[in-house]
N, C-alpha and C. Protein backbone atom coordinates (compact mmCIF):
# COMPACT_ATOMS: atom_id res chain seq x y z
N MET A 1 -15.75 75.42 163.49
CA MET A 1 -15.84 74.86 162.04
C MET A 1 -14.74 73.99 161.93
N THR A 2 -16.23 72.52 161.16
CA THR A 2 -15.34 71.49 161.51
C THR A 2 -14.74 71.24 159.78
N GLN A 3 -13.65 70.69 160.42
CA GLN A 3 -12.52 70.26 158.82
C GLN A 3 -13.33 69.20 158.16
N SER A 4 -13.06 69.71 156.69
CA SER A 4 -13.71 68.68 155.94
C SER A 4 -12.85 67.22 156.07
N ARG A 5 -11.56 67.62 156.09
CA ARG A 5 -10.25 66.31 155.91
C ARG A 5 -9.47 67.05 157.22
N PRO A 6 -9.09 65.91 157.61
CA PRO A 6 -8.59 65.78 158.85
C PRO A 6 -6.75 66.35 158.73
N LEU A 7 -6.41 67.35 159.16
CA LEU A 7 -4.97 68.33 159.43
C LEU A 7 -3.75 66.75 159.38
N SER A 8 -2.62 66.58 158.70
CA SER A 8 -1.54 65.84 158.67
C SER A 8 -0.72 66.16 160.04
N TYR A 9 -0.13 65.46 160.31
CA TYR A 9 0.76 65.37 161.14
C TYR A 9 1.86 66.44 160.89
N GLY A 10 2.29 66.39 160.03
CA GLY A 10 3.25 68.20 159.65
C GLY A 10 2.34 69.27 160.06
N ALA A 11 0.86 69.66 159.46
CA ALA A 11 0.58 70.71 159.74
C ALA A 11 -0.05 71.06 161.17
N VAL A 12 -0.18 70.10 161.72
CA VAL A 12 -0.61 70.61 163.39
C VAL A 12 1.01 70.63 164.11
N ALA A 13 1.67 70.21 163.35
CA ALA A 13 2.89 70.82 164.15
C ALA A 13 3.53 72.10 164.04
N VAL A 14 3.10 72.47 161.98
CA VAL A 14 3.31 74.02 161.97
C VAL A 14 2.28 74.77 162.92
N LEU A 15 0.75 74.31 163.10
CA LEU A 15 0.04 75.48 163.63
C LEU A 15 0.36 75.37 165.16
N HIS A 16 0.78 74.23 165.99
CA HIS A 16 1.71 74.29 167.49
C HIS A 16 2.36 75.21 167.42
N ALA A 17 3.56 75.37 166.79
CA ALA A 17 4.37 76.06 166.82
C ALA A 17 4.12 77.65 166.76
N VAL A 18 2.98 77.70 166.16
CA VAL A 18 2.67 79.08 165.28
C VAL A 18 2.05 79.48 166.98
N ALA A 19 1.27 78.80 167.56
CA ALA A 19 0.51 78.63 168.47
C ALA A 19 1.46 79.36 169.32
N GLY A 20 2.89 78.41 169.50
CA GLY A 20 3.65 78.86 170.89
C GLY A 20 4.54 80.10 170.16
N GLY A 21 4.00 80.62 169.49
CA GLY A 21 5.09 81.83 169.45
C GLY A 21 6.05 82.17 168.58
N CYS A 22 6.32 80.54 167.50
CA CYS A 22 7.03 80.57 166.28
C CYS A 22 6.12 81.54 165.15
N ARG A 23 6.82 82.52 164.78
CA ARG A 23 6.23 83.55 163.92
C ARG A 23 6.77 83.32 162.40
N PHE A 24 7.76 82.80 162.55
CA PHE A 24 8.17 82.81 160.88
C PHE A 24 8.86 81.71 160.34
N GLY A 25 9.24 81.67 159.01
CA GLY A 25 9.69 79.94 158.31
C GLY A 25 10.48 79.23 158.86
N PHE A 26 11.68 80.23 159.36
CA PHE A 26 13.05 79.32 159.93
C PHE A 26 13.06 78.90 161.61
N ASP A 27 12.06 79.77 162.45
CA ASP A 27 11.98 79.52 163.20
C ASP A 27 10.88 78.28 163.46
N ILE A 28 9.73 78.11 162.90
CA ILE A 28 9.14 77.10 162.84
C ILE A 28 9.21 75.85 162.19
N MET A 29 10.49 76.00 161.26
CA MET A 29 11.48 74.87 161.01
C MET A 29 12.57 74.40 162.10
N HIS A 30 12.72 75.23 162.53
CA HIS A 30 13.79 75.00 163.94
C HIS A 30 12.98 74.21 165.01
N ALA A 31 11.58 74.88 165.14
CA ALA A 31 11.18 74.15 166.37
C ALA A 31 10.15 72.73 166.27
N THR A 32 9.95 72.43 164.76
CA THR A 32 9.66 71.31 164.31
C THR A 32 10.36 70.52 163.95
N GLY A 33 11.77 71.08 163.59
CA GLY A 33 12.33 69.51 162.99
C GLY A 33 12.03 69.41 161.15
N LEU A 34 11.09 70.17 161.00
CA LEU A 34 10.63 69.62 159.35
C LEU A 34 11.60 70.98 158.14
N THR A 35 11.37 70.33 157.21
CA THR A 35 12.32 70.94 155.94
C THR A 35 11.66 72.33 155.59
N SER A 36 12.00 73.22 155.24
CA SER A 36 11.66 74.19 154.28
C SER A 36 10.44 73.57 153.22
N GLY A 37 10.78 72.31 152.47
CA GLY A 37 9.64 72.08 151.44
C GLY A 37 8.45 71.66 152.45
N SER A 38 8.04 71.41 153.49
CA SER A 38 7.33 70.75 154.30
C SER A 38 6.50 72.15 154.82
N VAL A 39 7.29 73.28 155.71
CA VAL A 39 6.85 73.96 155.98
C VAL A 39 6.39 75.14 155.27
N TYR A 40 6.91 75.94 154.15
CA TYR A 40 6.31 76.69 153.67
C TYR A 40 5.32 76.00 152.95
N PRO A 41 5.09 74.74 152.17
CA PRO A 41 4.02 74.86 151.70
C PRO A 41 2.45 74.70 152.82
N ALA A 42 2.95 74.20 153.61
CA ALA A 42 1.73 73.84 155.27
C ALA A 42 1.64 74.85 155.00
N LEU A 43 2.61 76.43 155.52
CA LEU A 43 2.09 77.53 156.13
C LEU A 43 1.02 78.16 154.80
N ASP A 44 1.38 77.99 153.54
CA ASP A 44 0.06 78.44 152.57
C ASP A 44 -0.94 77.80 152.76
N ARG A 45 -0.97 76.13 152.97
CA ARG A 45 -2.52 75.76 152.93
C ARG A 45 -3.33 75.97 154.28
N LEU A 46 -2.34 76.49 155.27
CA LEU A 46 -2.90 76.87 156.59
C LEU A 46 -3.23 77.88 156.00
N GLU A 47 -3.22 79.16 155.68
CA GLU A 47 -3.72 80.23 155.55
C GLU A 47 -4.39 80.51 154.71
N ASP A 48 -4.46 79.32 153.35
CA ASP A 48 -5.96 79.55 152.81
C ASP A 48 -6.61 79.21 153.24
N LEU A 49 -6.63 77.94 154.49
CA LEU A 49 -7.86 77.23 155.24
C LEU A 49 -8.34 78.00 156.38
N GLY A 50 -7.90 79.73 156.22
CA GLY A 50 -7.63 80.34 157.29
C GLY A 50 -8.02 80.46 158.59
N TYR A 51 -6.89 79.26 158.86
CA TYR A 51 -5.96 78.87 159.86
C TYR A 51 -5.07 79.80 160.38
N LEU A 52 -4.56 80.39 159.88
CA LEU A 52 -3.52 81.30 159.62
C LEU A 52 -3.49 82.82 159.20
N THR A 53 -3.46 84.09 159.86
CA THR A 53 -2.86 84.90 158.85
C THR A 53 -1.81 85.26 158.68
N SER A 54 -1.31 86.21 157.52
CA SER A 54 -0.07 86.55 157.50
C SER A 54 0.66 88.04 157.35
N SER A 55 1.58 88.47 157.27
CA SER A 55 2.11 89.63 157.10
C SER A 55 3.47 90.08 157.21
N TRP A 56 3.59 90.94 156.36
CA TRP A 56 5.50 91.11 155.86
C TRP A 56 5.78 92.15 156.78
N GLU A 57 6.61 91.72 157.13
CA GLU A 57 7.87 92.84 157.62
C GLU A 57 8.09 94.23 156.88
N ASP A 58 8.17 95.02 157.24
CA ASP A 58 8.56 96.57 156.71
C ASP A 58 10.14 95.84 156.41
N ALA A 59 10.33 96.44 154.98
CA ALA A 59 11.38 95.79 154.07
C ALA A 59 12.53 96.54 154.58
N ARG A 60 12.44 97.38 155.35
CA ARG A 60 13.77 98.44 155.73
C ARG A 60 14.07 97.78 156.58
N THR A 61 13.44 97.10 157.65
CA THR A 61 13.62 96.19 159.05
C THR A 61 14.69 95.58 158.73
N ALA A 62 14.11 94.25 157.24
CA ALA A 62 14.83 93.52 156.86
C ALA A 62 16.81 93.84 156.26
N ARG A 63 16.89 95.00 155.59
CA ARG A 63 17.65 95.18 155.03
C ARG A 63 18.67 96.14 156.21
N ARG A 64 18.13 96.40 156.81
CA ARG A 64 18.93 96.88 158.37
C ARG A 64 19.53 95.71 158.92
N GLU A 65 18.89 94.62 158.62
CA GLU A 65 19.34 93.64 159.95
C GLU A 65 20.01 92.86 158.81
N LYS A 66 20.12 92.96 157.38
CA LYS A 66 20.55 92.09 155.96
C LYS A 66 20.44 90.64 156.16
N ARG A 67 19.27 90.28 156.00
CA ARG A 67 18.75 89.80 155.67
C ARG A 67 17.25 89.80 155.03
N PRO A 68 16.41 88.97 154.10
CA PRO A 68 15.43 88.98 153.37
C PRO A 68 14.26 89.46 154.39
N ALA A 69 13.26 90.08 153.85
CA ALA A 69 11.91 90.34 154.45
C ALA A 69 11.72 88.92 155.13
N ARG A 70 10.65 89.14 156.65
CA ARG A 70 9.76 87.70 156.75
C ARG A 70 8.76 88.16 156.61
N ARG A 71 7.72 86.80 156.76
CA ARG A 71 6.67 87.00 156.47
C ARG A 71 6.24 86.20 158.10
N TYR A 72 5.52 87.14 158.81
CA TYR A 72 5.01 86.72 160.10
C TYR A 72 3.81 86.19 160.14
N PHE A 73 3.58 84.88 160.87
CA PHE A 73 2.04 84.21 160.57
C PHE A 73 1.60 84.50 162.35
N THR A 74 0.21 83.95 161.90
CA THR A 74 -0.30 84.38 163.67
C THR A 74 -1.62 83.90 163.48
N LEU A 75 -2.10 82.94 164.65
CA LEU A 75 -3.04 81.48 164.24
C LEU A 75 -4.13 82.48 164.05
N THR A 76 -5.36 81.91 164.01
CA THR A 76 -6.41 82.62 164.09
C THR A 76 -7.05 82.01 165.43
N GLY A 77 -8.83 82.59 165.34
CA GLY A 77 -9.69 81.28 166.16
C GLY A 77 -10.15 80.76 165.09
N THR A 78 -9.87 80.47 164.07
CA THR A 78 -10.64 79.36 163.65
C THR A 78 -9.23 78.05 163.95
N GLY A 79 -8.13 78.53 163.44
CA GLY A 79 -6.84 78.11 163.61
C GLY A 79 -6.63 77.52 164.95
N ARG A 80 -7.23 77.52 166.18
CA ARG A 80 -6.71 77.46 167.51
C ARG A 80 -7.90 76.40 167.71
N ALA A 81 -9.05 76.51 167.16
CA ALA A 81 -9.72 75.44 166.99
C ALA A 81 -9.74 74.15 166.22
N ALA A 82 -8.93 74.41 165.38
CA ALA A 82 -8.43 72.84 164.72
C ALA A 82 -7.54 72.46 165.17
N LEU A 83 -6.37 73.55 165.54
CA LEU A 83 -5.38 72.92 166.93
C LEU A 83 -5.81 71.62 168.20
N ALA A 84 -6.71 72.32 168.40
CA ALA A 84 -7.09 71.51 169.83
C ALA A 84 -8.30 70.23 169.03
N GLU A 85 -8.82 70.43 167.93
CA GLU A 85 -9.58 69.14 167.20
C GLU A 85 -8.29 68.34 166.79
N ALA A 86 -6.99 68.73 166.21
CA ALA A 86 -6.23 67.59 165.76
C ALA A 86 -5.33 67.04 167.07
N LEU A 87 -5.36 67.86 167.76
CA LEU A 87 -4.23 67.54 168.96
C LEU A 87 -5.03 66.38 169.76
N ASP A 88 -6.62 66.80 169.66
CA ASP A 88 -7.32 65.72 170.22
C ASP A 88 -7.29 63.95 169.73
N ARG A 89 -7.20 64.18 168.08
CA ARG A 89 -7.17 63.33 167.56
C ARG A 89 -5.61 62.22 167.42
N TYR A 90 -4.52 63.31 167.35
CA TYR A 90 -3.59 63.20 167.75
C TYR A 90 -2.68 62.53 169.21
N LYS A 91 -3.26 61.83 169.69
CA LYS A 91 -3.05 61.77 170.81
C LYS A 91 -1.66 61.45 171.64
N THR A 92 -0.72 61.23 170.50
CA THR A 92 0.32 60.41 171.33
C THR A 92 1.36 62.27 170.66
N PHE A 93 0.46 63.02 170.02
CA PHE A 93 1.53 64.44 169.57
C PHE A 93 2.58 64.89 170.57
N ARG A 94 3.58 65.15 170.61
CA ARG A 94 4.43 65.14 171.17
C ARG A 94 4.85 66.94 170.73
N PRO A 95 4.19 67.72 171.89
CA PRO A 95 4.42 69.03 171.62
C PRO A 95 6.00 69.97 171.04
N VAL A 96 5.76 70.52 170.32
CA VAL A 96 7.46 70.97 169.82
C VAL A 96 7.98 71.87 171.10
N PRO A 97 9.12 71.98 171.27
CA PRO A 97 9.63 73.01 172.80
C PRO A 97 9.65 74.29 171.84
N LEU A 98 8.37 74.99 172.35
CA LEU A 98 8.06 76.38 172.11
C LEU A 98 9.02 77.20 172.71
N ALA A 99 10.22 76.79 173.76
CA ALA A 99 10.99 77.78 173.88
C ALA A 99 12.03 77.82 173.58
N VAL A 100 12.55 77.14 172.14
CA VAL A 100 13.45 76.78 171.84
C VAL A 100 14.35 78.24 171.13
N ARG A 101 13.26 79.26 170.33
CA ARG A 101 14.48 80.53 170.25
C ARG A 101 13.12 81.49 169.80
N PRO A 102 13.36 82.60 170.78
CA PRO A 102 12.65 83.59 170.54
C PRO A 102 12.46 84.02 169.53
N SER A 103 10.85 84.45 168.95
CA SER A 103 10.80 85.27 167.83
C SER A 103 11.32 86.60 167.77
N ARG A 104 11.95 86.99 166.83
CA ARG A 104 11.57 88.49 166.75
C ARG A 104 10.85 89.26 165.78
N ALA A 105 9.89 90.43 166.35
CA ALA A 105 8.80 90.56 165.73
C ALA A 105 9.29 91.95 164.98
């Protein structure tokens, strides 16, 4: 699928982080250096475009770990294609360090 409008640099960074294993907001923020005010709206837009899917973890797990429930994101096939197209366009894109912090599923 060809997108009608190119993805922003921040959206590409978010997609790249998800592709590399960062599955929830704080991990994506940590990997990309972007703020929550950039990451969470980008995640919503990317999901609306069909590039990501999301699911909420079981609330009991979050309570057991004494934190809010996490929303986990997964790259779709369409998202993988959009990321490849965007990386081709952003030739100077520096990949985020994907082994920064392992995500817990």
